[in-house]
Amino acid sequence: MDDDVLRALTEERADTVAQISALTRDLDGIIEAAAMVATDDEHDPEGTTIAYERAHTASLLSAAAGRLDDLDRALARHAAGDYGRCESCGGPIAPERLAARPSTSTCIACAAAR
């Protein structure tokens, strides 16, 4: 199981890094496009505004960065031998919870209490 956990965390981290890279390129493209266009997209009936696209992509990028941070902390806990222990109460985290959220740092009871 230990190798499976490490493999899952490492694969999820690689996927998240790739997602961050793609979202960063998208955001850079949106910002560049906005700088080159001098139109009033706020009142364009044809679709979403550049401001909306920029905010949406920035939000996705922020969420992915948070997920990467969670994964890095989970990998550090794994290396320290603390993976699967709740950071709040010190008890074990249910295997089902770890399977659903490999980067989680709390058991269900402590997560619900937040």
PDB file of N, CA and C in Angstrom:
ATOM      1  N   MET A   1       0.820  -1.191   0.000  1.00  0.00           N
ATOM      2  CA  MET A   1       0.000   0.000   0.000  1.00  0.00           C
ATOM      3  C   MET A   1       0.866   1.258   0.000  1.00  0.00           C
ATOM      4  N   ASP A   2       1.985   1.224   0.707  1.00  0.00           N
ATOM      5  CA  ASP A   2       2.849   2.390   0.820  1.00  0.00           C
ATOM      6  C   ASP A   2       3.313   2.874  -0.553  1.00  0.00           C
ATOM      7  N   ASP A   3       3.719   1.944  -1.418  1.00  0.00           N
ATOM      8  CA  ASP A   3       4.145   2.313  -2.768  1.00  0.00           C
ATOM      9  C   ASP A   3       2.981   2.867  -3.578  1.00  0.00           C
ATOM     10  N   ASP A   4       1.791   2.299  -3.390  1.00  0.00           N
ATOM     11  CA  ASP A   4       0.606   2.782  -4.103  1.00  0.00           C
ATOM     12  C   ASP A   4       0.267   4.211  -3.701  1.00  0.00           C
ATOM     13  N   VAL A   5       0.375   4.502  -2.417  1.00  0.00           N
ATOM     14  CA  VAL A   5       0.091   5.852  -1.915  1.00  0.00           C
ATOM     15  C   VAL A   5       1.086   6.836  -2.508  1.00  0.00           C
ATOM     16  N   LEU A   6       2.357   6.501  -2.439  1.00  0.00           N
ATOM     17  CA  LEU A   6       3.391   7.386  -2.967  1.00  0.00           C
ATOM     18  C   LEU A   6       3.201   7.602  -4.468  1.00  0.00           C
ATOM     19  N   ARG A   7       2.886   6.544  -5.186  1.00  0.00           N
ATOM     20  CA  ARG A   7       2.660   6.646  -6.627  1.00  0.00           C
ATOM     21  C   ARG A   7       1.457   7.538  -6.922  1.00  0.00           C
ATOM     22  N   ALA A   8       0.366   7.352  -6.189  1.00  0.00           N
ATOM     23  CA  ALA A   8      -0.840   8.160  -6.406  1.00  0.00           C
ATOM     24  C   ALA A   8      -0.574   9.635  -6.121  1.00  0.00           C
ATOM     25  N   LEU A   9       0.102   9.923  -5.021  1.00  0.00           N
ATOM     26  CA  LEU A   9       0.419  11.315  -4.686  1.00  0.00           C
ATOM     27  C   LEU A   9       1.345  11.938  -5.729  1.00  0.00           C
ATOM     28  N   THR A  10       2.333  11.180  -6.166  1.00  0.00           N
ATOM     29  CA  THR A  10       3.289  11.683  -7.148  1.00  0.00           C
ATOM     30  C   THR A  10       2.612  11.937  -8.494  1.00  0.00           C
ATOM     31  N   GLU A  11       1.737  11.018  -8.909  1.00  0.00           N
ATOM     32  CA  GLU A  11       1.014  11.198 -10.174  1.00  0.00           C
ATOM     33  C   GLU A  11       0.065  12.386 -10.100  1.00  0.00           C
ATOM     34  N   GLU A  12      -0.641  12.517  -8.984  1.00  0.00           N
ATOM     35  CA  GLU A  12      -1.555  13.645  -8.832  1.00  0.00           C
ATOM     36  C   GLU A  12      -0.779  14.958  -8.811  1.00  0.00           C
ATOM     37  N   ARG A  13       0.389  14.946  -8.204  1.00  0.00           N
ATOM     38  CA  ARG A  13       1.216  16.154  -8.185  1.00  0.00           C
ATOM     39  C   ARG A  13       1.648  16.522  -9.601  1.00  0.00           C
ATOM     40  N   ALA A  14       2.098  15.539 -10.378  1.00  0.00           N
ATOM     41  CA  ALA A  14       2.521  15.807 -11.759  1.00  0.00           C
ATOM     42  C   ALA A  14       1.356  16.350 -12.589  1.00  0.00           C
ATOM     43  N   ASP A  15       0.173  15.771 -12.421  1.00  0.00           N
ATOM     44  CA  ASP A  15      -1.015  16.262 -13.129  1.00  0.00           C
ATOM     45  C   ASP A  15      -1.332  17.701 -12.732  1.00  0.00           C
ATOM     46  N   THR A  16      -1.197  18.001 -11.458  1.00  0.00           N
ATOM     47  CA  THR A  16      -1.496  19.349 -10.964  1.00  0.00           C
ATOM     48  C   THR A  16      -0.480  20.357 -11.484  1.00  0.00           C
ATOM     49  N   VAL A  17       0.787  19.977 -11.529  1.00  0.00           N
ATOM     50  CA  VAL A  17       1.820  20.861 -12.080  1.00  0.00           C
ATOM     51  C   VAL A  17       1.525  21.145 -13.556  1.00  0.00           C
ATOM     52  N   ALA A  18       1.117  20.117 -14.302  1.00  0.00           N
ATOM     53  CA  ALA A  18       0.766  20.308 -15.716  1.00  0.00           C
ATOM     54  C   ALA A  18      -0.444  21.230 -15.853  1.00  0.00           C
ATOM     55  N   GLN A  19      -1.428  21.061 -14.973  1.00  0.00           N
ATOM     56  CA  GLN A  19      -2.606  21.920 -15.006  1.00  0.00           C
ATOM     57  C   GLN A  19      -2.223  23.372 -14.707  1.00  0.00           C
ATOM     58  N   ILE A  20      -1.364  23.578 -13.726  1.00  0.00           N
ATOM     59  CA  ILE A  20      -0.909  24.934 -13.392  1.00  0.00           C
ATOM     60  C   ILE A  20      -0.197  25.565 -14.584  1.00  0.00           C
ATOM     61  N   SER A  21       0.625  24.790 -15.255  1.00  0.00           N
ATOM     62  CA  SER A  21       1.341  25.295 -16.425  1.00  0.00           C
ATOM     63  C   SER A  21       0.363  25.709 -17.525  1.00  0.00           C
ATOM     64  N   ALA A  22      -0.624  24.868 -17.792  1.00  0.00           N
ATOM     65  CA  ALA A  22      -1.617  25.174 -18.830  1.00  0.00           C
ATOM     66  C   ALA A  22      -2.452  26.394 -18.454  1.00  0.00           C
ATOM     67  N   LEU A  23      -2.874  26.468 -17.204  1.00  0.00           N
ATOM     68  CA  LEU A  23      -3.679  27.609 -16.765  1.00  0.00           C
ATOM     69  C   LEU A  23      -2.872  28.906 -16.794  1.00  0.00           C
ATOM     70  N   THR A  24      -1.598  28.820 -16.462  1.00  0.00           N
ATOM     71  CA  THR A  24      -0.738  30.002 -16.517  1.00  0.00           C
ATOM     72  C   THR A  24      -0.620  30.502 -17.953  1.00  0.00           C
ATOM     73  N   ARG A  25      -0.438  29.574 -18.900  1.00  0.00           N
ATOM     74  CA  ARG A  25      -0.389  29.960 -20.316  1.00  0.00           C
ATOM     75  C   ARG A  25      -1.711  30.588 -20.745  1.00  0.00           C
ATOM     76  N   ASP A  26      -2.830  29.976 -20.326  1.00  0.00           N
ATOM     77  CA  ASP A  26      -4.148  30.526 -20.662  1.00  0.00           C
ATOM     78  C   ASP A  26      -4.310  31.938 -20.116  1.00  0.00           C
ATOM     79  N   LEU A  27      -3.944  32.124 -18.858  1.00  0.00           N
ATOM     80  CA  LEU A  27      -4.088  33.439 -18.234  1.00  0.00           C
ATOM     81  C   LEU A  27      -3.201  34.471 -18.929  1.00  0.00           C
ATOM     82  N   ASP A  28      -1.978  34.083 -19.252  1.00  0.00           N
ATOM     83  CA  ASP A  28      -1.091  34.995 -19.980  1.00  0.00           C
ATOM     84  C   ASP A  28      -1.698  35.375 -21.330  1.00  0.00           C
ATOM     85  N   GLY A  29      -2.302  34.402 -22.011  1.00  0.00           N
ATOM     86  CA  GLY A  29      -2.945  34.668 -23.299  1.00  0.00           C
ATOM     87  C   GLY A  29      -4.131  35.604 -23.169  1.00  0.00           C
ATOM     88  N   ILE A  30      -4.919  35.423 -22.126  1.00  0.00           N
ATOM     89  CA  ILE A  30      -6.078  36.291 -21.893  1.00  0.00           C
ATOM     90  C   ILE A  30      -5.617  37.717 -21.622  1.00  0.00           C
ATOM     91  N   ILE A  31      -4.600  37.855 -20.800  1.00  0.00           N
ATOM     92  CA  ILE A  31      -4.081  39.187 -20.476  1.00  0.00           C
ATOM     93  C   ILE A  31      -3.503  39.851 -21.724  1.00  0.00           C
ATOM     94  N   GLU A  32      -2.779  39.077 -22.522  1.00  0.00           N
ATOM     95  CA  GLU A  32      -2.204  39.614 -23.757  1.00  0.00           C
ATOM     96  C   GLU A  32      -3.305  40.018 -24.736  1.00  0.00           C
ATOM     97  N   ALA A  33      -4.328  39.186 -24.864  1.00  0.00           N
ATOM     98  CA  ALA A  33      -5.442  39.505 -25.763  1.00  0.00           C
ATOM     99  C   ALA A  33      -6.168  40.762 -25.310  1.00  0.00           C
ATOM    100  N   ALA A  34      -6.329  40.918 -24.022  1.00  0.00           N
ATOM    101  CA  ALA A  34      -7.015  42.098 -23.497  1.00  0.00           C
ATOM    102  C   ALA A  34      -6.217  43.361 -23.787  1.00  0.00           C
ATOM    103  N   ALA A  35      -4.908  43.254 -23.754  1.00  0.00           N
ATOM    104  CA  ALA A  35      -4.064  44.420 -24.013  1.00  0.00           C
ATOM    105  C   ALA A  35      -4.099  44.828 -25.482  1.00  0.00           C
ATOM    106  N   MET A  36      -4.348  43.871 -26.367  1.00  0.00           N
ATOM    107  CA  MET A  36      -4.333  44.158 -27.799  1.00  0.00           C
ATOM    108  C   MET A  36      -5.691  44.596 -28.339  1.00  0.00           C
ATOM    109  N   VAL A  37      -6.743  44.421 -27.571  1.00  0.00           N
ATOM    110  CA  VAL A  37      -8.087  44.741 -28.037  1.00  0.00           C
ATOM    111  C   VAL A  37      -8.597  45.958 -27.280  1.00  0.00           C
ATOM    112  N   ALA A  38      -9.059  46.918 -28.027  1.00  0.00           N
ATOM    113  CA  ALA A  38      -9.563  48.143 -27.405  1.00  0.00           C
ATOM    114  C   ALA A  38     -11.083  48.216 -27.523  1.00  0.00           C
ATOM    115  N   THR A  39     -11.739  47.097 -27.288  1.00  0.00           N
ATOM    116  CA  THR A  39     -13.197  47.085 -27.403  1.00  0.00           C
ATOM    117  C   THR A  39     -13.836  47.073 -26.027  1.00  0.00           C
ATOM    118  N   ASP A  40     -15.087  47.389 -26.005  1.00  0.00           N
ATOM    119  CA  ASP A  40     -15.868  47.373 -24.768  1.00  0.00           C
ATOM    120  C   ASP A  40     -16.520  46.004 -24.645  1.00  0.00           C
ATOM    121  N   ASP A  41     -15.783  45.036 -24.129  1.00  0.00           N
ATOM    122  CA  ASP A  41     -16.326  43.679 -24.064  1.00  0.00           C
ATOM    123  C   ASP A  41     -17.348  43.506 -22.951  1.00  0.00           C
ATOM    124  N   GLU A  42     -17.477  44.468 -22.077  1.00  0.00           N
ATOM    125  CA  GLU A  42     -18.467  44.382 -21.001  1.00  0.00           C
ATOM    126  C   GLU A  42     -19.889  44.374 -21.552  1.00  0.00           C
ATOM    127  N   HIS A  43     -20.078  44.950 -22.719  1.00  0.00           N
ATOM    128  CA  HIS A  43     -21.420  45.051 -23.290  1.00  0.00           C
ATOM    129  C   HIS A  43     -21.564  44.232 -24.567  1.00  0.00           C
ATOM    130  N   ASP A  44     -20.690  43.286 -24.758  1.00  0.00           N
ATOM    131  CA  ASP A  44     -20.722  42.435 -25.946  1.00  0.00           C
ATOM    132  C   ASP A  44     -21.737  41.318 -25.741  1.00  0.00           C
ATOM    133  N   PRO A  45     -22.808  41.294 -26.542  1.00  0.00           N
ATOM    134  CA  PRO A  45     -23.828  40.260 -26.370  1.00  0.00           C
ATOM    135  C   PRO A  45     -23.403  38.896 -26.900  1.00  0.00           C
ATOM    136  N   GLU A  46     -22.236  38.821 -27.526  1.00  0.00           N
ATOM    137  CA  GLU A  46     -21.802  37.586 -28.166  1.00  0.00           C
ATOM    138  C   GLU A  46     -21.180  36.570 -27.218  1.00  0.00           C
ATOM    139  N   GLY A  47     -20.833  36.958 -26.030  1.00  0.00           N
ATOM    140  CA  GLY A  47     -20.203  35.972 -25.161  1.00  0.00           C
ATOM    141  C   GLY A  47     -19.690  36.569 -23.873  1.00  0.00           C
ATOM    142  N   THR A  48     -18.834  35.805 -23.247  1.00  0.00           N
ATOM    143  CA  THR A  48     -18.300  36.218 -21.951  1.00  0.00           C
ATOM    144  C   THR A  48     -17.291  37.343 -22.112  1.00  0.00           C
ATOM    145  N   THR A  49     -17.109  38.077 -21.064  1.00  0.00           N
ATOM    146  CA  THR A  49     -16.166  39.187 -21.103  1.00  0.00           C
ATOM    147  C   THR A  49     -14.752  38.706 -20.824  1.00  0.00           C
ATOM    148  N   ILE A  50     -13.805  39.498 -21.275  1.00  0.00           N
ATOM    149  CA  ILE A  50     -12.402  39.175 -21.003  1.00  0.00           C
ATOM    150  C   ILE A  50     -12.155  39.210 -19.500  1.00  0.00           C
ATOM    151  N   ALA A  51     -12.796  40.156 -18.821  1.00  0.00           N
ATOM    152  CA  ALA A  51     -12.630  40.245 -17.364  1.00  0.00           C
ATOM    153  C   ALA A  51     -13.120  38.970 -16.684  1.00  0.00           C
ATOM    154  N   TYR A  52     -14.250  38.434 -17.154  1.00  0.00           N
ATOM    155  CA  TYR A  52     -14.771  37.193 -16.585  1.00  0.00           C
ATOM    156  C   TYR A  52     -13.798  36.047 -16.847  1.00  0.00           C
ATOM    157  N   GLU A  53     -13.333  35.930 -18.081  1.00  0.00           N
ATOM    158  CA  GLU A  53     -12.399  34.850 -18.426  1.00  0.00           C
ATOM    159  C   GLU A  53     -11.129  34.938 -17.585  1.00  0.00           C
ATOM    160  N   ARG A  54     -10.638  36.159 -17.411  1.00  0.00           N
ATOM    161  CA  ARG A  54      -9.426  36.355 -16.614  1.00  0.00           C
ATOM    162  C   ARG A  54      -9.667  35.949 -15.156  1.00  0.00           C
ATOM    163  N   ALA A  55     -10.785  36.386 -14.591  1.00  0.00           N
ATOM    164  CA  ALA A  55     -11.093  36.059 -13.195  1.00  0.00           C
ATOM    165  C   ALA A  55     -11.325  34.560 -13.013  1.00  0.00           C
ATOM    166  N   HIS A  56     -12.018  33.948 -13.962  1.00  0.00           N
ATOM    167  CA  HIS A  56     -12.306  32.512 -13.882  1.00  0.00           C
ATOM    168  C   HIS A  56     -11.003  31.705 -13.954  1.00  0.00           C
ATOM    169  N   THR A  57     -10.152  32.049 -14.898  1.00  0.00           N
ATOM    170  CA  THR A  57      -8.888  31.327 -15.052  1.00  0.00           C
ATOM    171  C   THR A  57      -7.982  31.553 -13.841  1.00  0.00           C
ATOM    172  N   ALA A  58      -7.964  32.775 -13.328  1.00  0.00           N
ATOM    173  CA  ALA A  58      -7.161  33.064 -12.131  1.00  0.00           C
ATOM    174  C   ALA A  58      -7.665  32.263 -10.937  1.00  0.00           C
ATOM    175  N   SER A  59      -8.974  32.098 -10.830  1.00  0.00           N
ATOM    176  CA  SER A  59      -9.554  31.310  -9.740  1.00  0.00           C
ATOM    177  C   SER A  59      -9.159  29.835  -9.861  1.00  0.00           C
ATOM    178  N   LEU A  60      -9.229  29.299 -11.075  1.00  0.00           N
ATOM    179  CA  LEU A  60      -8.815  27.911 -11.298  1.00  0.00           C
ATOM    180  C   LEU A  60      -7.332  27.733 -10.982  1.00  0.00           C
ATOM    181  N   LEU A  61      -6.531  28.705 -11.356  1.00  0.00           N
ATOM    182  CA  LEU A  61      -5.096  28.657 -11.085  1.00  0.00           C
ATOM    183  C   LEU A  61      -4.820  28.681  -9.584  1.00  0.00           C
ATOM    184  N   SER A  62      -5.547  29.510  -8.861  1.00  0.00           N
ATOM    185  CA  SER A  62      -5.391  29.585  -7.405  1.00  0.00           C
ATOM    186  C   SER A  62      -5.766  28.259  -6.741  1.00  0.00           C
ATOM    187  N   ALA A  63      -6.851  27.651  -7.201  1.00  0.00           N
ATOM    188  CA  ALA A  63      -7.277  26.361  -6.644  1.00  0.00           C
ATOM    189  C   ALA A  63      -6.231  25.280  -6.922  1.00  0.00           C
ATOM    190  N   ALA A  64      -5.674  25.279  -8.121  1.00  0.00           N
ATOM    191  CA  ALA A  64      -4.650  24.293  -8.471  1.00  0.00           C
ATOM    192  C   ALA A  64      -3.387  24.499  -7.633  1.00  0.00           C
ATOM    193  N   ALA A  65      -3.024  25.744  -7.384  1.00  0.00           N
ATOM    194  CA  ALA A  65      -1.853  26.027  -6.542  1.00  0.00           C
ATOM    195  C   ALA A  65      -2.092  25.538  -5.115  1.00  0.00           C
ATOM    196  N   GLY A  66      -3.299  25.708  -4.616  1.00  0.00           N
ATOM    197  CA  GLY A  66      -3.642  25.200  -3.288  1.00  0.00           C
ATOM    198  C   GLY A  66      -3.573  23.684  -3.232  1.00  0.00           C
ATOM    199  N   ARG A  67      -4.062  23.037  -4.306  1.00  0.00           N
ATOM    200  CA  ARG A  67      -4.007  21.574  -4.372  1.00  0.00           C
ATOM    201  C   ARG A  67      -2.553  21.100  -4.406  1.00  0.00           C
ATOM    202  N   LEU A  68      -1.696  21.817  -5.150  1.00  0.00           N
ATOM    203  CA  LEU A  68      -0.279  21.458  -5.200  1.00  0.00           C
ATOM    204  C   LEU A  68       0.353  21.577  -3.817  1.00  0.00           C
ATOM    205  N   ASP A  69       0.017  22.623  -3.094  1.00  0.00           N
ATOM    206  CA  ASP A  69       0.524  22.805  -1.731  1.00  0.00           C
ATOM    207  C   ASP A  69       0.074  21.651  -0.834  1.00  0.00           C
ATOM    208  N   ASP A  70      -1.199  21.259  -0.937  1.00  0.00           N
ATOM    209  CA  ASP A  70      -1.718  20.130  -0.157  1.00  0.00           C
ATOM    210  C   ASP A  70      -0.965  18.845  -0.495  1.00  0.00           C
ATOM    211  N   LEU A  71      -0.711  18.625  -1.781  1.00  0.00           N
ATOM    212  CA  LEU A  71       0.001  17.420  -2.204  1.00  0.00           C
ATOM    213  C   LEU A  71       1.443  17.427  -1.704  1.00  0.00           C
ATOM    214  N   ASP A  72       2.089  18.575  -1.759  1.00  0.00           N
ATOM    215  CA  ASP A  72       3.467  18.658  -1.248  1.00  0.00           C
ATOM    216  C   ASP A  72       3.518  18.367   0.247  1.00  0.00           C
ATOM    217  N   ARG A  73       2.530  18.869   0.992  1.00  0.00           N
ATOM    218  CA  ARG A  73       2.484  18.582   2.433  1.00  0.00           C
ATOM    219  C   ARG A  73       2.214  17.090   2.673  1.00  0.00           C
ATOM    220  N   ALA A  74       1.351  16.490   1.855  1.00  0.00           N
ATOM    221  CA  ALA A  74       1.072  15.056   2.001  1.00  0.00           C
ATOM    222  C   ALA A  74       2.326  14.235   1.706  1.00  0.00           C
ATOM    223  N   LEU A  75       3.070  14.624   0.679  1.00  0.00           N
ATOM    224  CA  LEU A  75       4.318  13.921   0.372  1.00  0.00           C
ATOM    225  C   LEU A  75       5.333  14.083   1.502  1.00  0.00           C
ATOM    226  N   ALA A  76       5.371  15.247   2.128  1.00  0.00           N
ATOM    227  CA  ALA A  76       6.272  15.464   3.269  1.00  0.00           C
ATOM    228  C   ALA A  76       5.847  14.597   4.455  1.00  0.00           C
ATOM    229  N   ARG A  77       4.522  14.503   4.693  1.00  0.00           N
ATOM    230  CA  ARG A  77       4.039  13.630   5.777  1.00  0.00           C
ATOM    231  C   ARG A  77       4.392  12.179   5.481  1.00  0.00           C
ATOM    232  N   HIS A  78       4.272  11.783   4.218  1.00  0.00           N
ATOM    233  CA  HIS A  78       4.616  10.420   3.820  1.00  0.00           C
ATOM    234  C   HIS A  78       6.091  10.150   4.094  1.00  0.00           C
ATOM    235  N   ALA A  79       6.952  11.083   3.707  1.00  0.00           N
ATOM    236  CA  ALA A  79       8.398  10.917   3.921  1.00  0.00           C
ATOM    237  C   ALA A  79       8.746  10.860   5.405  1.00  0.00           C
ATOM    238  N   ALA A  80       7.990  11.586   6.225  1.00  0.00           N
ATOM    239  CA  ALA A  80       8.242  11.617   7.672  1.00  0.00           C
ATOM    240  C   ALA A  80       7.592  10.444   8.403  1.00  0.00           C
ATOM    241  N   GLY A  81       6.794   9.657   7.685  1.00  0.00           N
ATOM    242  CA  GLY A  81       6.111   8.531   8.310  1.00  0.00           C
ATOM    243  C   GLY A  81       4.824   8.912   9.016  1.00  0.00           C
ATOM    244  N   ASP A  82       4.330  10.115   8.767  1.00  0.00           N
ATOM    245  CA  ASP A  82       3.104  10.591   9.420  1.00  0.00           C
ATOM    246  C   ASP A  82       1.877  10.532   8.522  1.00  0.00           C
ATOM    247  N   TYR A  83       2.021  10.031   7.305  1.00  0.00           N
ATOM    248  CA  TYR A  83       0.890   9.988   6.387  1.00  0.00           C
ATOM    249  C   TYR A  83      -0.196   9.066   6.945  1.00  0.00           C
ATOM    250  N   GLY A  84      -1.431   9.527   6.880  1.00  0.00           N
ATOM    251  CA  GLY A  84      -2.550   8.736   7.388  1.00  0.00           C
ATOM    252  C   GLY A  84      -2.917   9.060   8.821  1.00  0.00           C
ATOM    253  N   ARG A  85      -2.192   9.978   9.446  1.00  0.00           N
ATOM    254  CA  ARG A  85      -2.486  10.459  10.803  1.00  0.00           C
ATOM    255  C   ARG A  85      -3.108  11.838  10.702  1.00  0.00           C
ATOM    256  N   CYS A  86      -4.165  12.050  11.459  1.00  0.00           N
ATOM    257  CA  CYS A  86      -4.850  13.339  11.484  1.00  0.00           C
ATOM    258  C   CYS A  86      -3.953  14.381  12.146  1.00  0.00           C
ATOM    259  N   GLU A  87      -3.782  15.513  11.475  1.00  0.00           N
ATOM    260  CA  GLU A  87      -2.960  16.586  12.042  1.00  0.00           C
ATOM    261  C   GLU A  87      -3.650  17.282  13.210  1.00  0.00           C
ATOM    262  N   SER A  88      -4.963  17.126  13.328  1.00  0.00           N
ATOM    263  CA  SER A  88      -5.687  17.792  14.415  1.00  0.00           C
ATOM    264  C   SER A  88      -5.732  16.952  15.682  1.00  0.00           C
ATOM    265  N   CYS A  89      -6.174  15.697  15.559  1.00  0.00           N
ATOM    266  CA  CYS A  89      -6.361  14.874  16.755  1.00  0.00           C
ATOM    267  C   CYS A  89      -5.306  13.783  16.916  1.00  0.00           C
ATOM    268  N   GLY A  90      -4.526  13.533  15.875  1.00  0.00           N
ATOM    269  CA  GLY A  90      -3.491  12.508  15.945  1.00  0.00           C
ATOM    270  C   GLY A  90      -3.979  11.101  15.673  1.00  0.00           C
ATOM    271  N   GLY A  91      -5.277  10.949  15.492  1.00  0.00           N
ATOM    272  CA  GLY A  91      -5.841   9.632  15.212  1.00  0.00           C
ATOM    273  C   GLY A  91      -5.652   9.241  13.756  1.00  0.00           C
ATOM    274  N   PRO A  92      -5.997   8.001  13.439  1.00  0.00           N
ATOM    275  CA  PRO A  92      -5.853   7.550  12.052  1.00  0.00           C
ATOM    276  C   PRO A  92      -6.927   8.167  11.152  1.00  0.00           C
ATOM    277  N   ILE A  93      -6.558   8.393   9.910  1.00  0.00           N
ATOM    278  CA  ILE A  93      -7.510   8.837   8.894  1.00  0.00           C
ATOM    279  C   ILE A  93      -8.013   7.581   8.196  1.00  0.00           C
ATOM    280  N   ALA A  94      -9.318   7.470   8.047  1.00  0.00           N
ATOM    281  CA  ALA A  94      -9.921   6.275   7.442  1.00  0.00           C
ATOM    282  C   ALA A  94      -9.361   6.036   6.038  1.00  0.00           C
ATOM    283  N   PRO A  95      -9.059   4.773   5.719  1.00  0.00           N
ATOM    284  CA  PRO A  95      -8.535   4.454   4.383  1.00  0.00           C
ATOM    285  C   PRO A  95      -9.454   4.932   3.256  1.00  0.00           C
ATOM    286  N   GLU A  96     -10.768   4.895   3.496  1.00  0.00           N
ATOM    287  CA  GLU A  96     -11.717   5.352   2.477  1.00  0.00           C
ATOM    288  C   GLU A  96     -11.546   6.852   2.206  1.00  0.00           C
ATOM    289  N   ARG A  97     -11.294   7.609   3.267  1.00  0.00           N
ATOM    290  CA  ARG A  97     -11.077   9.056   3.107  1.00  0.00           C
ATOM    291  C   ARG A  97      -9.774   9.310   2.359  1.00  0.00           C
ATOM    292  N   LEU A  98      -8.733   8.571   2.702  1.00  0.00           N
ATOM    293  CA  LEU A  98      -7.457   8.731   2.010  1.00  0.00           C
ATOM    294  C   LEU A  98      -7.565   8.321   0.546  1.00  0.00           C
ATOM    295  N   ALA A  99      -8.385   7.311   0.266  1.00  0.00           N
ATOM    296  CA  ALA A  99      -8.577   6.893  -1.125  1.00  0.00           C
ATOM    297  C   ALA A  99      -9.290   7.984  -1.921  1.00  0.00           C
ATOM    298  N   ALA A 100     -10.254   8.648  -1.280  1.00  0.00           N
ATOM    299  CA  ALA A 100     -11.014   9.699  -1.958  1.00  0.00           C
ATOM    300  C   ALA A 100     -10.218  10.995  -2.054  1.00  0.00           C
ATOM    301  N   ARG A 101      -9.458  11.297  -1.006  1.00  0.00           N
ATOM    302  CA  ARG A 101      -8.670  12.548  -0.937  1.00  0.00           C
ATOM    303  C   ARG A 101      -7.278  12.222  -0.421  1.00  0.00           C
ATOM    304  N   PRO A 102      -6.394  11.754  -1.285  1.00  0.00           N
ATOM    305  CA  PRO A 102      -5.069  11.329  -0.832  1.00  0.00           C
ATOM    306  C   PRO A 102      -4.260  12.413  -0.125  1.00  0.00           C
ATOM    307  N   SER A 103      -4.545  13.673  -0.395  1.00  0.00           N
ATOM    308  CA  SER A 103      -3.759  14.746   0.223  1.00  0.00           C
ATOM    309  C   SER A 103      -4.366  15.263   1.522  1.00  0.00           C
ATOM    310  N   THR A 104      -5.457  14.651   1.973  1.00  0.00           N
ATOM    311  CA  THR A 104      -6.108  15.144   3.188  1.00  0.00           C
ATOM    312  C   THR A 104      -5.189  15.023   4.399  1.00  0.00           C
ATOM    313  N   SER A 105      -5.354  15.960   5.317  1.00  0.00           N
ATOM    314  CA  SER A 105      -4.516  15.943   6.523  1.00  0.00           C
ATOM    315  C   SER A 105      -5.343  15.745   7.789  1.00  0.00           C
ATOM    316  N   THR A 106      -6.653  15.594   7.634  1.00  0.00           N
ATOM    317  CA  THR A 106      -7.525  15.433   8.802  1.00  0.00           C
ATOM    318  C   THR A 106      -8.491  14.275   8.611  1.00  0.00           C
ATOM    319  N   CYS A 107      -8.889  13.708   9.739  1.00  0.00           N
ATOM    320  CA  CYS A 107      -9.912  12.668   9.713  1.00  0.00           C
ATOM    321  C   CYS A 107     -11.269  13.332   9.446  1.00  0.00           C
ATOM    322  N   ILE A 108     -12.273  12.528   9.202  1.00  0.00           N
ATOM    323  CA  ILE A 108     -13.605  13.053   8.888  1.00  0.00           C
ATOM    324  C   ILE A 108     -14.163  13.866  10.049  1.00  0.00           C
ATOM    325  N   ALA A 109     -13.995  13.377  11.267  1.00  0.00           N
ATOM    326  CA  ALA A 109     -14.542  14.085  12.433  1.00  0.00           C
ATOM    327  C   ALA A 109     -13.922  15.473  12.580  1.00  0.00           C
ATOM    328  N   CYS A 110     -12.607  15.569  12.432  1.00  0.00           N
ATOM    329  CA  CYS A 110     -11.945  16.872  12.566  1.00  0.00           C
ATOM    330  C   CYS A 110     -12.278  17.789  11.390  1.00  0.00           C
ATOM    331  N   ALA A 111     -12.407  17.222  10.201  1.00  0.00           N
ATOM    332  CA  ALA A 111     -12.780  18.034   9.040  1.00  0.00           C
ATOM    333  C   ALA A 111     -14.189  18.588   9.206  1.00  0.00           C
ATOM    334  N   ALA A 112     -15.085  17.797   9.765  1.00  0.00           N
ATOM    335  CA  ALA A 112     -16.467  18.245   9.978  1.00  0.00           C
ATOM    336  C   ALA A 112     -16.540  19.327  11.046  1.00  0.00           C
ATOM    337  N   ALA A 113     -15.612  19.292  12.000  1.00  0.00           N
ATOM    338  CA  ALA A 113     -15.616  20.267  13.091  1.00  0.00           C
ATOM    339  C   ALA A 113     -15.100  21.640  12.650  1.00  0.00           C
ATOM    340  N   ARG A 114     -14.463  21.707  11.519  1.00  0.00           N
ATOM    341  CA  ARG A 114     -13.905  22.987  11.032  1.00  0.00           C
ATOM    342  C   ARG A 114     -14.969  23.926  10.636  1.00  0.00           C
TER     343      ARG A 114
END
